[in-house]
């Protein structure tokens, strides 16, 4: 079976479904989602048993994001420039509490910074977000060059509303669960490279 690569950073709000069984044992260091109306702030860090170059290759393969999350139903590069900037379109279908599903579109301007961070800035006019900025750092782990430390930070302001009391709690819980599943899928795919 051919392994298609995908991206860790569907990452984020789009990846909110209940996962199937974990594929590997990524070591989750920390996971936190804070909500202060109208924004979610996400902080997630994990150590993967995979080489950082393989992880980077997977998370920047914008055409194949469906491999990392059951929530991503379509991904494609709309345009790209010779200097490595890409406009990426994701169609997501997160399900909350298994029965409530929503179709979400996210268009991002994606690039890799001078120090190697993958940065995604959402284009509000083409997305279901008023504002979103995601940053993914992928570095060799200090204790073992064959392991990878992944650090993900995001600031998200969705255009869609959730029920006032339980909604933010459900979304926080699902973001953390989905980021964990996505980290494990990235680790599993990177080990096959």
Protein backbone atom coordinates (compact mmCIF):
# COMPACT_ATOMS: atom_id res chain seq x y z
CA UNK A 1 0.00 0.00 0.00
CA UNK A 2 1.41 3.38 -0.99
CA UNK A 3 1.71 5.89 1.80
CA UNK A 4 0.32 9.27 0.85
CA UNK A 5 1.51 12.09 3.00
CA UNK A 6 -0.59 14.65 4.75
CA UNK A 7 -0.40 17.49 7.07
CA UNK A 8 -0.34 17.91 10.82
CA UNK A 9 -1.93 21.24 10.70
CA UNK A 10 -5.32 20.50 9.43
CA UNK A 11 -4.41 20.72 12.51
CA UNK A 12 -6.61 22.61 14.04
CA UNK A 13 -10.22 23.43 14.24
CA UNK A 14 -11.02 21.29 11.27
CA UNK A 15 -9.79 18.24 13.05
CA UNK A 16 -12.51 17.78 15.59
CA UNK A 17 -13.93 14.32 15.02
CA UNK A 18 -13.80 11.30 17.26
CA UNK A 19 -10.74 9.25 16.29
CA UNK A 20 -10.44 5.62 15.51
CA UNK A 21 -7.87 3.55 17.41
CA UNK A 22 -4.49 5.27 17.82
CA UNK A 23 -1.89 4.22 15.27
CA UNK A 24 1.18 4.73 17.44
CA UNK A 25 2.28 6.15 20.77
CA UNK A 26 3.31 9.75 20.26
CA UNK A 27 4.43 11.25 23.57
CA UNK A 28 2.11 14.19 24.25
CA UNK A 29 3.99 16.71 26.40
CA UNK A 30 1.23 19.29 26.76
CA UNK A 31 -2.16 20.12 25.28
CA UNK A 32 -4.21 23.18 26.13
CA UNK A 33 -7.09 25.04 24.50
CA UNK A 34 -8.31 28.28 26.02
CA UNK A 35 -11.46 30.10 25.06
CA UNK A 36 -12.03 33.79 25.54
CA UNK A 37 -14.88 34.93 23.37
CA UNK A 38 -14.62 35.00 20.43
CA UNK A 39 -11.21 33.27 20.15
CA UNK A 40 -9.66 29.90 20.87
CA UNK A 41 -5.96 29.78 21.70
CA UNK A 42 -4.35 26.38 21.19
CA UNK A 43 -1.01 25.13 22.52
CA UNK A 44 0.11 21.57 21.82
CA UNK A 45 3.49 19.86 22.11
CA UNK A 46 4.51 16.27 21.39
CA UNK A 47 7.60 14.15 20.80
CA UNK A 48 7.31 11.75 17.88
CA UNK A 49 9.35 8.60 17.30
CA UNK A 50 10.24 9.69 13.77
CA UNK A 51 12.91 11.75 12.01
CA UNK A 52 12.15 15.48 11.76
CA UNK A 53 12.74 15.62 7.99
CA UNK A 54 10.07 12.96 7.43
CA UNK A 55 7.65 14.76 9.73
CA UNK A 56 8.29 18.07 7.92
CA UNK A 57 7.72 16.43 4.54
CA UNK A 58 4.37 15.06 5.71
CA UNK A 59 3.07 18.27 7.24
CA UNK A 60 3.91 20.36 4.18
CA UNK A 61 2.32 18.03 1.62
CA UNK A 62 -0.75 20.20 1.18
CA UNK A 63 -2.38 18.04 -1.50
CA UNK A 64 -2.75 15.02 0.80
CA UNK A 65 -4.06 16.30 4.12
CA UNK A 66 -6.82 13.71 4.25
CA UNK A 67 -4.29 11.09 5.35
CA UNK A 68 -3.89 12.59 8.81
CA UNK A 69 -7.43 13.28 9.89
CA UNK A 70 -10.81 11.71 9.25
CA UNK A 71 -12.17 15.27 9.44
CA UNK A 72 -10.37 16.52 6.33
CA UNK A 73 -12.48 15.60 3.31
CA UNK A 74 -10.56 17.63 0.70
CA UNK A 75 -7.29 19.54 0.43
CA UNK A 76 -5.56 21.22 -2.48
CA UNK A 77 -3.05 23.91 -3.36
CA UNK A 78 -4.85 26.80 -5.05
CA UNK A 79 -1.65 28.61 -6.01
CA UNK A 80 2.04 28.66 -5.13
CA UNK A 81 5.03 30.92 -5.65
CA UNK A 82 8.67 30.05 -6.40
CA UNK A 83 9.67 31.26 -2.90
CA UNK A 84 7.62 28.52 -1.22
CA UNK A 85 4.39 30.33 -0.35
CA UNK A 86 1.21 28.37 -1.04
CA UNK A 87 -2.48 29.17 -0.83
CA UNK A 88 -4.14 26.02 0.48
CA UNK A 89 -7.83 25.10 0.61
CA UNK A 90 -9.16 22.62 3.17
CA UNK A 91 -12.68 21.31 3.41
CA UNK A 92 -13.33 19.86 6.83
CA UNK A 93 -16.23 17.95 8.30
CA UNK A 94 -15.81 17.84 12.07
CA UNK A 95 -18.36 15.96 14.13
CA UNK A 96 -19.15 17.00 17.67
CA UNK A 97 -20.59 14.40 20.02
CA UNK A 98 -20.60 11.99 17.04
CA UNK A 99 -23.97 13.16 15.66
CA UNK A 100 -23.56 16.89 15.00
CA UNK A 101 -21.37 17.44 11.95
CA UNK A 102 -20.50 20.68 10.17
CA UNK A 103 -18.80 21.41 6.88
CA UNK A 104 -16.03 24.02 7.31
CA UNK A 105 -13.85 25.63 4.66
CA UNK A 106 -10.45 27.04 5.52
CA UNK A 107 -8.19 28.78 3.00
CA UNK A 108 -4.71 29.59 4.27
CA UNK A 109 -1.60 31.33 3.06
CA UNK A 110 1.05 28.82 4.10
CA UNK A 111 4.81 29.23 4.24
CA UNK A 112 7.95 28.07 6.01
CA UNK A 113 9.81 30.74 8.02
CA UNK A 114 13.57 31.29 7.93
CA UNK A 115 13.99 29.14 11.06
CA UNK A 116 11.79 26.34 9.67
CA UNK A 117 8.42 26.96 11.31
CA UNK A 118 5.38 26.17 9.17
CA UNK A 119 2.99 29.14 9.31
CA UNK A 120 -0.63 29.27 8.16
CA UNK A 121 -2.60 32.50 8.04
CA UNK A 122 -6.26 32.12 7.15
CA UNK A 123 -7.83 34.15 4.35
CA UNK A 124 -11.09 35.31 6.02
CA UNK A 125 -13.00 36.12 2.81
CA UNK A 126 -12.64 32.51 1.64
CA UNK A 127 -12.93 30.77 5.02
CA UNK A 128 -15.29 30.01 7.88
CA UNK A 129 -12.94 31.94 10.18
CA UNK A 130 -12.80 35.66 10.89
CA UNK A 131 -9.17 35.17 11.82
CA UNK A 132 -6.77 32.26 12.28
CA UNK A 133 -3.01 31.98 12.61
CA UNK A 134 -1.26 28.66 13.16
CA UNK A 135 2.44 28.00 13.73
CA UNK A 136 4.04 24.57 13.74
CA UNK A 137 7.64 24.07 14.88
CA UNK A 138 9.32 20.80 13.91
CA UNK A 139 12.77 20.23 15.42
CA UNK A 140 15.00 17.28 16.33
CA UNK A 141 14.48 16.31 19.96
CA UNK A 142 17.42 17.39 22.16
CA UNK A 143 17.83 13.88 23.61
CA UNK A 144 17.69 11.93 20.31
CA UNK A 145 18.13 13.23 16.75
CA UNK A 146 15.88 10.44 15.44
CA UNK A 147 12.96 11.78 17.50
CA UNK A 148 11.05 14.95 16.63
CA UNK A 149 9.64 17.63 18.89
CA UNK A 150 6.48 19.16 17.42
CA UNK A 151 5.09 22.37 18.87
CA UNK A 152 1.80 23.77 17.58
CA UNK A 153 0.31 27.17 18.45
CA UNK A 154 -2.89 28.63 17.05
CA UNK A 155 -5.20 31.59 17.47
CA UNK A 156 -8.64 30.91 15.97
CA UNK A 157 -11.74 33.06 15.63
CA UNK A 158 -14.45 31.01 13.90
CA UNK A 159 -17.35 32.59 12.03
CA UNK A 160 -19.69 29.87 13.25
CA UNK A 161 -21.19 29.97 16.74
CA UNK A 162 -21.48 27.24 19.32
CA UNK A 163 -23.96 26.94 22.20
CA UNK A 164 -22.77 29.39 24.88
CA UNK A 165 -22.11 27.14 27.86
CA UNK A 166 -21.31 23.67 26.54
CA UNK A 167 -20.04 24.63 23.05
CA UNK A 168 -16.58 25.94 24.00
CA UNK A 169 -16.05 22.98 26.35
CA UNK A 170 -16.89 20.48 23.57
CA UNK A 171 -14.65 22.24 21.05
CA UNK A 172 -11.72 22.42 23.50
CA UNK A 173 -12.04 18.71 24.25
CA UNK A 174 -12.30 17.76 20.59
CA UNK A 175 -9.36 19.92 19.47
CA UNK A 176 -7.07 18.21 21.98
CA UNK A 177 -8.36 14.76 21.08
CA UNK A 178 -7.93 15.37 17.36
CA UNK A 179 -4.46 16.91 17.68
CA UNK A 180 -3.42 13.80 19.60
CA UNK A 181 -4.76 11.51 16.87
CA UNK A 182 -3.13 13.63 14.18
CA UNK A 183 0.24 13.53 15.96
CA UNK A 184 0.01 9.74 16.14
CA UNK A 185 -0.86 9.47 12.46
CA UNK A 186 2.05 11.73 11.49
CA UNK A 187 4.37 9.61 13.61
CA UNK A 188 3.12 6.36 12.04
CA UNK A 189 3.42 7.66 8.47
CA UNK A 190 6.85 9.20 9.11
CA UNK A 191 8.13 5.85 10.44
CA UNK A 192 7.21 4.25 7.10
CA UNK A 193 9.32 6.70 5.07
